[in-house]
């Protein structure tokens, strides 16, 4: 293998083989081996040579720019969903392992959501396995979720899959290995910054750093451009990157990013239909029994309600659909992983009901999409989940919802006006990256972005102040850095039969915690999310515990975490890095937290209560 085209050919073939070879997970080893050889042959023959040449051309350009860079570099790769940007970026990094000409020893592959890390890890591991005969040293792939329990601190592996939060908080010395020595706190405060600066950093699905006050793009651009000015190499990849965001990075980095656009050569056939009504009113009559469909709603509550409606229809009227699955943020990590495994392994029609969790990273061939309207960049990503592999697909967009939450009113109104404008979306070729960019820029125009930013200026200025106080060989500031207008509270769903519990405390195995954790998002500017968390804690007030410490039991080499009883948890939840609540009372397996518990009719908390919920002062 002497060139990038040959490398990308190998990557495409290996991933195609892995995807199609796992559809039936109950086959014996011998049958799987025979099928794999046959599938690999078919995948190799069916490679789209036109797409391969375009991918190779762009990969070569990016590789040469990065390998020959004398200073820091920002590269922007824009490509329609499913067009092959993952193979391009992966080949740029892995090619140096084959030709022994190095520009970066490590790779940080950064995703906007935790759900994407394991999926991307699987894909990168498939790529590396396909190259193992050519590699003298096999790079290891690991994940850093920024967990309270499993503290990897960005040292996970040569190729580390991580989130934007974990990368940024490592760089600004908020997540570092530290200890007390002779009564003084010390630690590796600058080590993550050094690792990042000497690595290739890939911000995948970069458009998702946007938020309702344009805080994330502004703060992250300062952090990333600090890396670039120190000589770092950064790639931003997305299908829906607003021009305003690109201009932000240009201004902060003091260098002009090189921009590459991958034109899709797949030419998908997607029929888009727009309904001026609510999805939940029509989904039972609109969805077909014999199709694999993706159904996306904007809130967990509506996703759970629609899931139940579809389950009832399938039970009473359909026999062809093999599975109806649910996926959202208030499900445990173990249940979410199970959903992905079921999507990968199985034959016959499948219906997946989801929230924004399915907008990116779901690599499964759906025949149809039924979705509530969402901001235009989100909507394009949702549409990109269907029509893959050359198979015609249908999309139905429902313009009415029960309010715009969790999205901004201005952005939602701009999106709806764009869609209604001579049915603009239906006549747009969503495989044309220039058309996609025009759609996104029409919604995220300068006036809109400036208006959004005004609402987040206070948090932004606090973050700028924090960054200005960072100095080499000095302790990091004690103030808080606001990377986005929200943060997470880790909630463990414990089972008395597995964890040990008494009147004063709780003890759980670390592996159990990893599989039974829910990350509860708390907004810095809205009160609804704090209200929901308080309602949940009140519903199980006498059975709430707060994390006190974790450690190994050396006689069996297991690691346990210990929790203390929390009295009046609705007033003290902000003191703990993790809370534990009884699983059986608040959670249904493969369905999620019982949403009725989150909206118990309590009044919204005051701004003072919201402020107390911030991470400042957590244990």
Foldseek 3Di string as FASTA:
>chain_A
DPALLVLLLLLQLLVQLLLVLFQAPPDDPVVSVVVSVVRSVVSSVPDDVVLSVLLRVVLVVVLCCQLPDPAFAEAEEAAAFPSDPVSSVLSSQCVCQQVVRDQAQAEEEAEADPLQQVLVQVSSVSSQVSCVVRGPDRWDEEEDAVDPFDQCLPVGTRYYYYYPVSLQCSCLQNRFDWDADPNRIDGDRHVSVVNQLRHEYEYEQVQVLQAQQRQQLQLVLLSVLVSRRRRRYYYYYHNAHAPVSQVNNCVNNVHRHHYDYRFHPLQFAEFEAEAQADCLVCVLPPDDQFWAEEEEEADLVVLLVSLVVNVVSCVPPHDFAPEEAEDEQQAFQQLNVVVLSNQSYHDTHYYYRYYLSPLPNNAHEGQEYEYEDAQLRSVSSRVSNYRPPRHYHYYYYHDDDPDHPPHDPLRSVQLVCCCPPVNNVSPFRSSGSVSSNVSSCSSVPPVSNVVSNVVVVVLNVQQVVQVVPDDPPDDGDLDDHDSDQKAWAKEFADACVAWPDDQWKIKHFPVSRNRRIRTQIAGNRDQLSLLLVLLLCVVQVSAKWAWDAKDADPVVRTIMTMTTTDHSCNQVVLQGSHMYGHCVVQADRSSGGDSCSSPVPDDGDDNVSSVSNDNNNHD
